Amino acid sequence: MHVLQPKHTKLKPEEVEKLLSELNISLAQLPKIKISDPALPENCEISDVIKIERISDSQKPVYYRTVSI
């Protein structure tokens, strides 16, 4: 992983359920990330949810993506 690359973490099924209920959305409504993306952690499969943490000044914004083809 490159030093400038944001941290990518695969969420557990319990965390996915909690996230979807908090945001009141379905899995299909999350933005997509391709399974071929080199930033994805090992053992990712289609429909997994990835948490992306970027560092910007003193903030740490978090984004979520679902793995797709």
PDB file of N, CA and C in Angstrom:
ATOM      1  N   MET A   1       0.843  -1.178   0.000  1.00  0.00           N
ATOM      2  CA  MET A   1       0.000   0.000   0.000  1.00  0.00           C
ATOM      3  C   MET A   1       0.889   1.242   0.000  1.00  0.00           C
ATOM      4  N   HIS A   2       0.554   2.183  -0.828  1.00  0.00           N
ATOM      5  CA  HIS A   2       1.293   3.430  -0.928  1.00  0.00           C
ATOM      6  C   HIS A   2       0.929   4.347   0.233  1.00  0.00           C
ATOM      7  N   VAL A   3       1.846   5.191   0.641  1.00  0.00           N
ATOM      8  CA  VAL A   3       1.628   6.074   1.781  1.00  0.00           C
ATOM      9  C   VAL A   3       0.491   7.073   1.529  1.00  0.00           C
ATOM     10  N   LEU A   4       0.250   7.442   0.297  1.00  0.00           N
ATOM     11  CA  LEU A   4      -0.816   8.399  -0.020  1.00  0.00           C
ATOM     12  C   LEU A   4      -2.164   7.738  -0.278  1.00  0.00           C
ATOM     13  N   GLN A   5      -2.180   6.426  -0.330  1.00  0.00           N
ATOM     14  CA  GLN A   5      -3.427   5.700  -0.587  1.00  0.00           C
ATOM     15  C   GLN A   5      -4.303   5.683   0.661  1.00  0.00           C
ATOM     16  N   PRO A   6      -5.597   5.987   0.529  1.00  0.00           N
ATOM     17  CA  PRO A   6      -6.489   5.933   1.691  1.00  0.00           C
ATOM     18  C   PRO A   6      -6.622   4.508   2.222  1.00  0.00           C
ATOM     19  N   LYS A   7      -6.907   4.398   3.495  1.00  0.00           N
ATOM     20  CA  LYS A   7      -7.060   3.091   4.124  1.00  0.00           C
ATOM     21  C   LYS A   7      -8.388   2.461   3.704  1.00  0.00           C
ATOM     22  N   HIS A   8      -8.335   1.224   3.200  1.00  0.00           N
ATOM     23  CA  HIS A   8      -9.512   0.469   2.781  1.00  0.00           C
ATOM     24  C   HIS A   8      -9.703  -0.699   3.738  1.00  0.00           C
ATOM     25  N   THR A   9     -10.899  -0.818   4.322  1.00  0.00           N
ATOM     26  CA  THR A   9     -11.200  -1.871   5.285  1.00  0.00           C
ATOM     27  C   THR A   9     -12.497  -2.562   4.889  1.00  0.00           C
ATOM     28  N   LYS A  10     -12.478  -3.884   4.931  1.00  0.00           N
ATOM     29  CA  LYS A  10     -13.681  -4.667   4.644  1.00  0.00           C
ATOM     30  C   LYS A  10     -14.539  -4.719   5.911  1.00  0.00           C
ATOM     31  N   LEU A  11     -15.835  -4.390   5.788  1.00  0.00           N
ATOM     32  CA  LEU A  11     -16.733  -4.400   6.937  1.00  0.00           C
ATOM     33  C   LEU A  11     -17.276  -5.800   7.195  1.00  0.00           C
ATOM     34  N   LYS A  12     -17.532  -6.097   8.458  1.00  0.00           N
ATOM     35  CA  LYS A  12     -18.159  -7.359   8.855  1.00  0.00           C
ATOM     36  C   LYS A  12     -19.659  -7.263   8.570  1.00  0.00           C
ATOM     37  N   PRO A  13     -20.339  -8.403   8.410  1.00  0.00           N
ATOM     38  CA  PRO A  13     -21.780  -8.372   8.110  1.00  0.00           C
ATOM     39  C   PRO A  13     -22.598  -7.580   9.133  1.00  0.00           C
ATOM     40  N   GLU A  14     -22.242  -7.654  10.416  1.00  0.00           N
ATOM     41  CA  GLU A  14     -22.977  -6.894  11.443  1.00  0.00           C
ATOM     42  C   GLU A  14     -22.810  -5.388  11.225  1.00  0.00           C
ATOM     43  N   GLU A  15     -21.583  -4.986  10.846  1.00  0.00           N
ATOM     44  CA  GLU A  15     -21.317  -3.575  10.612  1.00  0.00           C
ATOM     45  C   GLU A  15     -22.081  -3.079   9.378  1.00  0.00           C
ATOM     46  N   VAL A  16     -22.204  -3.935   8.368  1.00  0.00           N
ATOM     47  CA  VAL A  16     -22.934  -3.565   7.157  1.00  0.00           C
ATOM     48  C   VAL A  16     -24.404  -3.336   7.485  1.00  0.00           C
ATOM     49  N   GLU A  17     -25.002  -4.255   8.247  1.00  0.00           N
ATOM     50  CA  GLU A  17     -26.412  -4.109   8.628  1.00  0.00           C
ATOM     51  C   GLU A  17     -26.638  -2.816   9.408  1.00  0.00           C
ATOM     52  N   LYS A  18     -25.740  -2.523  10.334  1.00  0.00           N
ATOM     53  CA  LYS A  18     -25.857  -1.308  11.146  1.00  0.00           C
ATOM     54  C   LYS A  18     -25.740  -0.057  10.269  1.00  0.00           C
ATOM     55  N   LEU A  19     -24.778  -0.061   9.347  1.00  0.00           N
ATOM     56  CA  LEU A  19     -24.572   1.070   8.451  1.00  0.00           C
ATOM     57  C   LEU A  19     -25.801   1.318   7.573  1.00  0.00           C
ATOM     58  N   LEU A  20     -26.322   0.249   6.972  1.00  0.00           N
ATOM     59  CA  LEU A  20     -27.474   0.389   6.092  1.00  0.00           C
ATOM     60  C   LEU A  20     -28.709   0.878   6.836  1.00  0.00           C
ATOM     61  N   SER A  21     -28.888   0.422   8.072  1.00  0.00           N
ATOM     62  CA  SER A  21     -30.041   0.894   8.844  1.00  0.00           C
ATOM     63  C   SER A  21     -29.864   2.342   9.286  1.00  0.00           C
ATOM     64  N   GLU A  22     -28.630   2.738   9.634  1.00  0.00           N
ATOM     65  CA  GLU A  22     -28.376   4.133  10.024  1.00  0.00           C
ATOM     66  C   GLU A  22     -28.620   5.087   8.858  1.00  0.00           C
ATOM     67  N   LEU A  23     -28.180   4.685   7.670  1.00  0.00           N
ATOM     68  CA  LEU A  23     -28.333   5.534   6.492  1.00  0.00           C
ATOM     69  C   LEU A  23     -29.692   5.370   5.817  1.00  0.00           C
ATOM     70  N   ASN A  24     -30.446   4.349   6.242  1.00  0.00           N
ATOM     71  CA  ASN A  24     -31.760   4.047   5.691  1.00  0.00           C
ATOM     72  C   ASN A  24     -31.691   3.853   4.171  1.00  0.00           C
ATOM     73  N   ILE A  25     -30.741   3.004   3.752  1.00  0.00           N
ATOM     74  CA  ILE A  25     -30.568   2.690   2.336  1.00  0.00           C
ATOM     75  C   ILE A  25     -30.399   1.190   2.166  1.00  0.00           C
ATOM     76  N   SER A  26     -30.418   0.752   0.920  1.00  0.00           N
ATOM     77  CA  SER A  26     -30.144  -0.659   0.625  1.00  0.00           C
ATOM     78  C   SER A  26     -28.711  -0.777   0.108  1.00  0.00           C
ATOM     79  N   LEU A  27     -28.225  -1.997   0.049  1.00  0.00           N
ATOM     80  CA  LEU A  27     -26.865  -2.254  -0.424  1.00  0.00           C
ATOM     81  C   LEU A  27     -26.670  -1.751  -1.852  1.00  0.00           C
ATOM     82  N   ALA A  28     -27.699  -1.860  -2.671  1.00  0.00           N
ATOM     83  CA  ALA A  28     -27.616  -1.434  -4.074  1.00  0.00           C
ATOM     84  C   ALA A  28     -27.462   0.082  -4.221  1.00  0.00           C
ATOM     85  N   GLN A  29     -27.791   0.835  -3.189  1.00  0.00           N
ATOM     86  CA  GLN A  29     -27.710   2.293  -3.269  1.00  0.00           C
ATOM     87  C   GLN A  29     -26.330   2.840  -2.923  1.00  0.00           C
ATOM     88  N   LEU A  30     -25.440   1.993  -2.425  1.00  0.00           N
ATOM     89  CA  LEU A  30     -24.076   2.445  -2.139  1.00  0.00           C
ATOM     90  C   LEU A  30     -23.299   2.597  -3.441  1.00  0.00           C
ATOM     91  N   PRO A  31     -22.358   3.540  -3.487  1.00  0.00           N
ATOM     92  CA  PRO A  31     -21.497   3.648  -4.669  1.00  0.00           C
ATOM     93  C   PRO A  31     -20.687   2.369  -4.844  1.00  0.00           C
ATOM     94  N   LYS A  32     -20.226   2.129  -6.053  1.00  0.00           N
ATOM     95  CA  LYS A  32     -19.523   0.889  -6.379  1.00  0.00           C
ATOM     96  C   LYS A  32     -18.004   1.090  -6.433  1.00  0.00           C
ATOM     97  N   ILE A  33     -17.278   0.008  -6.214  1.00  0.00           N
ATOM     98  CA  ILE A  33     -15.835  -0.052  -6.437  1.00  0.00           C
ATOM     99  C   ILE A  33     -15.577  -1.377  -7.141  1.00  0.00           C
ATOM    100  N   LYS A  34     -14.766  -1.351  -8.173  1.00  0.00           N
ATOM    101  CA  LYS A  34     -14.521  -2.564  -8.962  1.00  0.00           C
ATOM    102  C   LYS A  34     -13.666  -3.563  -8.188  1.00  0.00           C
ATOM    103  N   ILE A  35     -13.961  -4.841  -8.389  1.00  0.00           N
ATOM    104  CA  ILE A  35     -13.223  -5.906  -7.717  1.00  0.00           C
ATOM    105  C   ILE A  35     -11.762  -5.926  -8.164  1.00  0.00           C
ATOM    106  N   SER A  36     -11.492  -5.355  -9.313  1.00  0.00           N
ATOM    107  CA  SER A  36     -10.121  -5.315  -9.828  1.00  0.00           C
ATOM    108  C   SER A  36      -9.310  -4.145  -9.268  1.00  0.00           C
ATOM    109  N   ASP A  37      -9.921  -3.305  -8.441  1.00  0.00           N
ATOM    110  CA  ASP A  37      -9.225  -2.153  -7.866  1.00  0.00           C
ATOM    111  C   ASP A  37      -8.063  -2.640  -6.994  1.00  0.00           C
ATOM    112  N   PRO A  38      -6.850  -2.189  -7.252  1.00  0.00           N
ATOM    113  CA  PRO A  38      -5.698  -2.672  -6.484  1.00  0.00           C
ATOM    114  C   PRO A  38      -5.696  -2.233  -5.015  1.00  0.00           C
ATOM    115  N   ALA A  39      -6.504  -1.261  -4.655  1.00  0.00           N
ATOM    116  CA  ALA A  39      -6.534  -0.779  -3.273  1.00  0.00           C
ATOM    117  C   ALA A  39      -7.356  -1.679  -2.352  1.00  0.00           C
ATOM    118  N   LEU A  40      -8.151  -2.579  -2.914  1.00  0.00           N
ATOM    119  CA  LEU A  40      -9.002  -3.448  -2.092  1.00  0.00           C
ATOM    120  C   LEU A  40      -8.169  -4.399  -1.238  1.00  0.00           C
ATOM    121  N   PRO A  41      -8.630  -4.655  -0.010  1.00  0.00           N
ATOM    122  CA  PRO A  41      -7.930  -5.624   0.826  1.00  0.00           C
ATOM    123  C   PRO A  41      -8.062  -7.048   0.270  1.00  0.00           C
ATOM    124  N   GLU A  42      -7.217  -7.940   0.764  1.00  0.00           N
ATOM    125  CA  GLU A  42      -7.264  -9.340   0.335  1.00  0.00           C
ATOM    126  C   GLU A  42      -8.612  -9.967   0.665  1.00  0.00           C
ATOM    127  N   ASN A  43      -8.987 -10.990  -0.080  1.00  0.00           N
ATOM    128  CA  ASN A  43     -10.192 -11.794   0.149  1.00  0.00           C
ATOM    129  C   ASN A  43     -11.500 -11.020   0.006  1.00  0.00           C
ATOM    130  N   CYS A  44     -11.525  -9.977  -0.808  1.00  0.00           N
ATOM    131  CA  CYS A  44     -12.775  -9.265  -1.055  1.00  0.00           C
ATOM    132  C   CYS A  44     -13.573 -10.004  -2.117  1.00  0.00           C
ATOM    133  N   GLU A  45     -14.872 -10.024  -1.928  1.00  0.00           N
ATOM    134  CA  GLU A  45     -15.772 -10.667  -2.879  1.00  0.00           C
ATOM    135  C   GLU A  45     -16.829  -9.656  -3.302  1.00  0.00           C
ATOM    136  N   ILE A  46     -17.541  -9.988  -4.378  1.00  0.00           N
ATOM    137  CA  ILE A  46     -18.603  -9.111  -4.862  1.00  0.00           C
ATOM    138  C   ILE A  46     -19.678  -8.974  -3.785  1.00  0.00           C
ATOM    139  N   SER A  47     -20.165  -7.785  -3.599  1.00  0.00           N
ATOM    140  CA  SER A  47     -21.183  -7.362  -2.627  1.00  0.00           C
ATOM    141  C   SER A  47     -20.627  -7.118  -1.223  1.00  0.00           C
ATOM    142  N   ASP A  48     -19.317  -7.222  -1.024  1.00  0.00           N
ATOM    143  CA  ASP A  48     -18.728  -6.808   0.253  1.00  0.00           C
ATOM    144  C   ASP A  48     -18.785  -5.285   0.335  1.00  0.00           C
ATOM    145  N   VAL A  49     -18.789  -4.745   1.541  1.00  0.00           N
ATOM    146  CA  VAL A  49     -18.793  -3.295   1.729  1.00  0.00           C
ATOM    147  C   VAL A  49     -17.418  -2.881   2.257  1.00  0.00           C
ATOM    148  N   ILE A  50     -16.865  -1.852   1.636  1.00  0.00           N
ATOM    149  CA  ILE A  50     -15.533  -1.357   1.962  1.00  0.00           C
ATOM    150  C   ILE A  50     -15.650   0.033   2.581  1.00  0.00           C
ATOM    151  N   LYS A  51     -14.941   0.216   3.677  1.00  0.00           N
ATOM    152  CA  LYS A  51     -14.870   1.519   4.349  1.00  0.00           C
ATOM    153  C   LYS A  51     -13.561   2.168   3.916  1.00  0.00           C
ATOM    154  N   ILE A  52     -13.642   3.392   3.390  1.00  0.00           N
ATOM    155  CA  ILE A  52     -12.467   4.116   2.913  1.00  0.00           C
ATOM    156  C   ILE A  52     -12.270   5.342   3.794  1.00  0.00           C
ATOM    157  N   GLU A  53     -11.096   5.416   4.439  1.00  0.00           N
ATOM    158  CA  GLU A  53     -10.780   6.530   5.336  1.00  0.00           C
ATOM    159  C   GLU A  53      -9.697   7.394   4.699  1.00  0.00           C
ATOM    160  N   ARG A  54     -10.054   8.623   4.394  1.00  0.00           N
ATOM    161  CA  ARG A  54      -9.099   9.568   3.819  1.00  0.00           C
ATOM    162  C   ARG A  54      -8.701  10.564   4.886  1.00  0.00           C
ATOM    163  N   ILE A  55      -7.462  11.021   4.826  1.00  0.00           N
ATOM    164  CA  ILE A  55      -6.997  12.021   5.777  1.00  0.00           C
ATOM    165  C   ILE A  55      -6.919  13.357   5.055  1.00  0.00           C
ATOM    166  N   SER A  56      -7.643  14.331   5.573  1.00  0.00           N
ATOM    167  CA  SER A  56      -7.706  15.648   4.974  1.00  0.00           C
ATOM    168  C   SER A  56      -7.576  16.683   6.095  1.00  0.00           C
ATOM    169  N   ASP A  57      -6.447  17.368   6.125  1.00  0.00           N
ATOM    170  CA  ASP A  57      -6.145  18.326   7.202  1.00  0.00           C
ATOM    171  C   ASP A  57      -6.288  17.624   8.552  1.00  0.00           C
ATOM    172  N   SER A  58      -7.147  18.109   9.401  1.00  0.00           N
ATOM    173  CA  SER A  58      -7.342  17.472  10.706  1.00  0.00           C
ATOM    174  C   SER A  58      -8.556  16.552  10.698  1.00  0.00           C
ATOM    175  N   GLN A  59      -9.277  16.518   9.575  1.00  0.00           N
ATOM    176  CA  GLN A  59     -10.475  15.696   9.470  1.00  0.00           C
ATOM    177  C   GLN A  59     -10.122  14.308   8.941  1.00  0.00           C
ATOM    178  N   LYS A  60     -11.025  13.365   9.178  1.00  0.00           N
ATOM    179  CA  LYS A  60     -10.854  12.007   8.674  1.00  0.00           C
ATOM    180  C   LYS A  60     -12.181  11.549   8.075  1.00  0.00           C
ATOM    181  N   PRO A  61     -12.511  12.051   6.859  1.00  0.00           N
ATOM    182  CA  PRO A  61     -13.784  11.667   6.248  1.00  0.00           C
ATOM    183  C   PRO A  61     -13.820  10.176   5.904  1.00  0.00           C
ATOM    184  N   VAL A  62     -15.008   9.579   6.016  1.00  0.00           N
ATOM    185  CA  VAL A  62     -15.191   8.152   5.757  1.00  0.00           C
ATOM    186  C   VAL A  62     -16.187   7.981   4.612  1.00  0.00           C
ATOM    187  N   TYR A  63     -15.855   7.091   3.685  1.00  0.00           N
ATOM    188  CA  TYR A  63     -16.700   6.783   2.547  1.00  0.00           C
ATOM    189  C   TYR A  63     -16.941   5.285   2.513  1.00  0.00           C
ATOM    190  N   TYR A  64     -18.053   4.878   1.940  1.00  0.00           N
ATOM    191  CA  TYR A  64     -18.383   3.459   1.842  1.00  0.00           C
ATOM    192  C   TYR A  64     -18.656   3.102   0.397  1.00  0.00           C
ATOM    193  N   ARG A  65     -18.175   1.945  -0.012  1.00  0.00           N
ATOM    194  CA  ARG A  65     -18.383   1.443  -1.369  1.00  0.00           C
ATOM    195  C   ARG A  65     -18.718  -0.037  -1.295  1.00  0.00           C
ATOM    196  N   THR A  66     -19.480  -0.531  -2.265  1.00  0.00           N
ATOM    197  CA  THR A  66     -19.757  -1.946  -2.368  1.00  0.00           C
ATOM    198  C   THR A  66     -18.980  -2.495  -3.567  1.00  0.00           C
ATOM    199  N   VAL A  67     -18.414  -3.674  -3.400  1.00  0.00           N
ATOM    200  CA  VAL A  67     -17.589  -4.292  -4.430  1.00  0.00           C
ATOM    201  C   VAL A  67     -18.479  -4.833  -5.542  1.00  0.00           C
ATOM    202  N   SER A  68     -18.134  -4.499  -6.783  1.00  0.00           N
ATOM    203  CA  SER A  68     -18.913  -4.979  -7.924  1.00  0.00           C
ATOM    204  C   SER A  68     -17.954  -5.452  -9.025  1.00  0.00           C
ATOM    205  N   ILE A  69     -18.540  -5.978 -10.094  1.00  0.00           N
ATOM    206  CA  ILE A  69     -17.743  -6.501 -11.211  1.00  0.00           C
ATOM    207  C   ILE A  69     -17.111  -5.376 -11.990  1.00  0.00           C
TER     208      ILE A  69
END
